């Protein structure tokens, strides 16, 4: 997903949250707060889907269709050695793509900065944590938070990563982040740990 596409996803989600009600991006029917999302492979965007529209698509389907249902899997991993990836900050996520490349993103007050991960470095990380080989391209990610001595390593749906970006943009203050950003991130990961696998997490 490109940086511009990610920005559009975050902006679109923010606009929908300010509306009187959220609507399905396919049929315009109202959707509840907890609903499924689709990945639009043509526009590289994430779309809200009502239950009937979501049922039209199969989770894990890797066909050439335009839309793919974003999985609900949330799996906490043992500590992953991300040193070979050269992550400059403690909070980042890594999204494999259908062409075999992997894009790394780290949230910032201006959105998510991204770069392409070195292929050999990613292979070394996967060798150390074989579960990463099961990431579904485009719609799942490795989410890492090692800031302030933490050790959170998760396989999550990509919409969880967009939520992290939204938390950072909303709570960051000044040059260092201010007093609210770190408690907000702690709450995010606590909520992530509290949700049952396959259950949408609460929104920030």
Foldseek 3Di string as FASTA:
>chain_A
DDQVQLVVQLVVVVVQVPDPFHAWPPPRHTADQFFWWKQFQVSRYITTHHPVVLVVEDAPDPDPDRIHTFFQFKDWDDFFPLVLQVDPAQWKKWAAAPVGWIKIWGAALVFIDIDTTDNVSVVVRCVVPVVVVVQRHSFWIWTGGCPPNDGTTMIGTCVLVSLLNVLQNVQADDDPRDDPSVVSVVVSVVQSVPDDRRGDTRGD
